[in-house]
């Protein structure tokens, strides 16, 4: 059964629109935009199709949720959802159809290579485009409940397999069974299962 493998970038400040345009231009060969939609809420109230990427900023300012449907050469489908609340949430998702080893709520020997690759890609993008963020939640069909307090956010969010945290944020020792992996800009704060949340 396919699911959405999600990467939710959480930032107190919006990613400058120029950066989003640059990423879209640089990667349009492997991620082509099919449609851009805005909605008022997750019940899909007042659904509208946007004509182009230039309308996104205006709709976000109006409090809309943005849904970008994409076609990729490597995955069945992909997309991006953007929400602005107390923080900005950018959720990039990939359809796991055809890759059953990803359709699980933990990192395993079979899917670790995908996670390691994803962490490297994220780290590269963050460095290359100087993308502002505090955390990135990685999971399957995740439900992120933003809280200013990291522990509360981790506790209230669900289906998150790993939290990626800026290297320059205050570092706490990992809980038992968790590990930190360091990249240039991010550290992976081990696999946090529902029972391990603090």
Protein backbone atom coordinates (compact mmCIF):
# COMPACT_ATOMS: atom_id res chain seq x y z
CA UNK A 1 0.00 0.00 0.00
CA UNK A 2 1.44 3.39 -0.98
CA UNK A 3 1.73 6.29 1.42
CA UNK A 4 3.21 9.77 1.50
CA UNK A 5 6.82 10.01 2.70
CA UNK A 6 6.88 13.55 4.06
CA UNK A 7 9.53 16.12 4.92
CA UNK A 8 8.08 19.09 6.81
CA UNK A 9 10.39 22.06 7.12
CA UNK A 10 9.37 24.28 10.04
CA UNK A 11 10.55 27.87 10.19
CA UNK A 12 9.53 30.99 12.08
CA UNK A 13 10.35 33.00 8.99
CA UNK A 14 9.05 32.34 5.50
CA UNK A 15 11.43 31.04 2.88
CA UNK A 16 11.94 34.05 0.60
CA UNK A 17 9.84 33.62 -2.52
CA UNK A 18 12.90 34.21 -4.71
CA UNK A 19 14.47 31.05 -3.21
CA UNK A 20 11.37 28.98 -4.01
CA UNK A 21 11.45 30.29 -7.59
CA UNK A 22 15.17 29.46 -7.90
CA UNK A 23 14.68 25.91 -6.57
CA UNK A 24 11.75 25.39 -8.95
CA UNK A 25 13.84 26.62 -11.89
CA UNK A 26 16.94 24.60 -10.97
CA UNK A 27 15.03 21.34 -10.46
CA UNK A 28 12.21 21.53 -13.02
CA UNK A 29 13.87 18.76 -15.06
CA UNK A 30 13.23 16.24 -12.30
CA UNK A 31 10.21 17.84 -10.57
CA UNK A 32 7.70 19.37 -12.97
CA UNK A 33 4.79 21.39 -11.52
CA UNK A 34 1.45 20.02 -12.74
CA UNK A 35 -0.99 22.19 -10.77
CA UNK A 36 -1.07 24.78 -7.98
CA UNK A 37 -4.16 25.01 -5.78
CA UNK A 38 -5.07 27.09 -2.75
CA UNK A 39 -7.61 26.14 -0.09
CA UNK A 40 -8.94 27.78 3.09
CA UNK A 41 -8.58 24.66 5.26
CA UNK A 42 -7.94 20.92 5.11
CA UNK A 43 -11.61 20.32 4.28
CA UNK A 44 -10.66 21.86 0.90
CA UNK A 45 -13.02 24.80 1.39
CA UNK A 46 -12.93 27.44 -1.36
CA UNK A 47 -10.56 25.47 -3.60
CA UNK A 48 -9.02 27.61 -6.36
CA UNK A 49 -6.53 26.79 -9.10
CA UNK A 50 -3.66 29.26 -9.38
CA UNK A 51 -2.37 30.21 -12.80
CA UNK A 52 1.32 30.29 -11.87
CA UNK A 53 3.89 30.21 -9.08
CA UNK A 54 3.83 34.01 -8.80
CA UNK A 55 0.39 33.88 -7.13
CA UNK A 56 1.57 31.75 -4.20
CA UNK A 57 2.92 34.61 -2.07
CA UNK A 58 -0.31 36.62 -2.29
CA UNK A 59 -2.47 33.63 -1.36
CA UNK A 60 -0.23 32.74 1.61
CA UNK A 61 -0.50 36.34 2.82
CA UNK A 62 -4.30 35.91 2.65
CA UNK A 63 -4.01 32.89 4.97
CA UNK A 64 -4.57 30.21 2.33
CA UNK A 65 -2.96 26.76 2.25
CA UNK A 66 -1.02 26.08 -0.95
CA UNK A 67 -0.94 22.66 -2.62
CA UNK A 68 1.57 22.11 -5.44
CA UNK A 69 1.17 18.86 -7.37
CA UNK A 70 4.33 17.68 -9.12
CA UNK A 71 5.47 14.96 -11.46
CA UNK A 72 8.87 13.45 -10.89
CA UNK A 73 10.92 11.04 -12.94
CA UNK A 74 11.96 9.06 -9.85
CA UNK A 75 8.67 8.69 -7.93
CA UNK A 76 5.05 7.99 -8.87
CA UNK A 77 4.04 11.47 -7.71
CA UNK A 78 5.17 14.25 -5.40
CA UNK A 79 3.99 17.55 -4.07
CA UNK A 80 4.45 20.48 -1.73
CA UNK A 81 2.02 21.91 0.82
CA UNK A 82 2.70 25.33 2.35
CA UNK A 83 0.97 26.71 5.45
CA UNK A 84 1.63 29.84 7.48
CA UNK A 85 0.41 29.77 11.07
CA UNK A 86 2.47 30.61 14.15
CA UNK A 87 5.30 29.22 12.02
CA UNK A 88 5.71 28.40 8.35
CA UNK A 89 5.35 24.73 7.42
CA UNK A 90 6.61 23.48 4.06
CA UNK A 91 5.70 19.81 3.56
CA UNK A 92 7.32 18.09 0.58
CA UNK A 93 5.93 14.62 -0.02
CA UNK A 94 6.76 11.63 -2.21
CA UNK A 95 4.41 8.77 -3.09
CA UNK A 96 6.00 5.51 -1.85
CA UNK A 97 4.22 3.29 -4.39
CA UNK A 98 6.69 0.71 -5.71
CA UNK A 99 9.00 1.14 -2.70
CA UNK A 100 7.31 -0.92 0.05
CA UNK A 101 10.35 -0.71 2.35
CA UNK A 102 9.52 2.99 2.90
CA UNK A 103 5.92 2.28 3.88
CA UNK A 104 6.77 1.72 7.55
CA UNK A 105 6.92 3.84 10.70
CA UNK A 106 10.60 3.27 11.39
CA UNK A 107 14.03 3.34 9.82
CA UNK A 108 15.09 -0.19 8.95
CA UNK A 109 18.11 -1.82 7.35
CA UNK A 110 16.08 -1.97 4.12
CA UNK A 111 15.11 1.72 3.98
CA UNK A 112 18.04 3.42 5.73
CA UNK A 113 19.70 4.20 2.39
CA UNK A 114 16.67 6.31 1.40
CA UNK A 115 16.78 8.27 4.65
CA UNK A 116 20.54 8.82 4.42
CA UNK A 117 20.15 10.05 0.85
CA UNK A 118 17.26 12.34 1.84
CA UNK A 119 19.30 13.84 4.70
CA UNK A 120 22.20 14.57 2.34
CA UNK A 121 19.88 16.17 -0.23
CA UNK A 122 18.24 18.32 2.44
CA UNK A 123 21.61 19.38 3.82
CA UNK A 124 22.80 20.32 0.32
CA UNK A 125 19.64 22.32 -0.46
CA UNK A 126 19.81 24.15 2.87
CA UNK A 127 23.42 25.13 2.23
CA UNK A 128 23.01 25.97 -1.46
CA UNK A 129 19.93 28.17 -1.03
CA UNK A 130 20.51 29.32 2.57
CA UNK A 131 17.06 28.06 3.57
CA UNK A 132 15.94 29.22 7.02
CA UNK A 133 14.53 26.54 9.31
CA UNK A 134 14.36 25.39 12.90
CA UNK A 135 13.29 21.78 12.44
CA UNK A 136 12.47 19.28 9.74
CA UNK A 137 10.09 16.43 10.58
CA UNK A 138 10.45 13.27 8.49
CA UNK A 139 7.73 10.65 8.50
CA UNK A 140 4.98 8.74 6.76
CA UNK A 141 1.61 10.56 6.59
CA UNK A 142 2.83 12.87 9.39
CA UNK A 143 0.66 15.21 11.41
CA UNK A 144 2.77 18.11 12.67
CA UNK A 145 1.38 20.19 15.53
CA UNK A 146 3.61 23.24 15.75
CA UNK A 147 4.56 24.40 19.24
CA UNK A 148 7.26 26.90 20.17
CA UNK A 149 8.47 24.37 22.74
CA UNK A 150 10.27 21.53 20.94
CA UNK A 151 9.30 18.83 23.46
CA UNK A 152 5.63 19.79 23.23
CA UNK A 153 5.78 19.79 19.45
CA UNK A 154 7.39 16.34 19.35
CA UNK A 155 4.86 15.04 21.86
CA UNK A 156 1.80 16.42 20.05
CA UNK A 157 2.91 15.48 16.50
CA UNK A 158 2.34 12.01 15.12
CA UNK A 159 3.87 9.66 12.54
CA UNK A 160 7.25 11.40 12.69
CA UNK A 161 10.17 9.01 12.29
CA UNK A 162 13.01 11.52 12.74
CA UNK A 163 13.46 15.19 13.63
CA UNK A 164 16.22 17.15 11.91
CA UNK A 165 17.44 20.09 13.95
CA UNK A 166 19.66 23.03 13.06
CA UNK A 167 23.22 22.44 14.24
CA UNK A 168 23.36 25.89 15.82
CA UNK A 169 20.32 25.29 18.06
CA UNK A 170 20.85 24.44 21.70
CA UNK A 171 21.97 20.85 21.89
CA UNK A 172 20.65 18.43 24.48
CA UNK A 173 21.90 14.91 25.04
CA UNK A 174 19.86 12.34 23.18
CA UNK A 175 17.45 10.17 25.13
CA UNK A 176 18.28 6.51 25.57
CA UNK A 177 18.01 4.71 22.23
CA UNK A 178 18.44 7.91 20.21
CA UNK A 179 21.48 9.07 18.30
CA UNK A 180 22.62 12.24 16.65
CA UNK A 181 24.00 12.22 13.13
CA UNK A 182 25.66 15.44 12.04
CA UNK A 183 25.63 16.99 8.62
CA UNK A 184 26.88 20.46 7.78
CA UNK A 185 23.70 22.35 8.62
CA UNK A 186 21.47 19.78 10.32
CA UNK A 187 21.65 17.05 12.88
CA UNK A 188 19.36 14.08 12.91
CA UNK A 189 17.83 13.61 16.31
CA UNK A 190 17.39 9.86 16.28
CA UNK A 191 14.29 7.91 15.55
CA UNK A 192 11.65 9.03 17.99
CA UNK A 193 8.87 6.51 18.30
CA UNK A 194 5.51 7.39 19.81
CA UNK A 195 6.46 5.65 23.07
CA UNK A 196 9.80 7.48 23.28
CA UNK A 197 8.36 11.00 23.08
CA UNK A 198 9.27 13.31 25.95
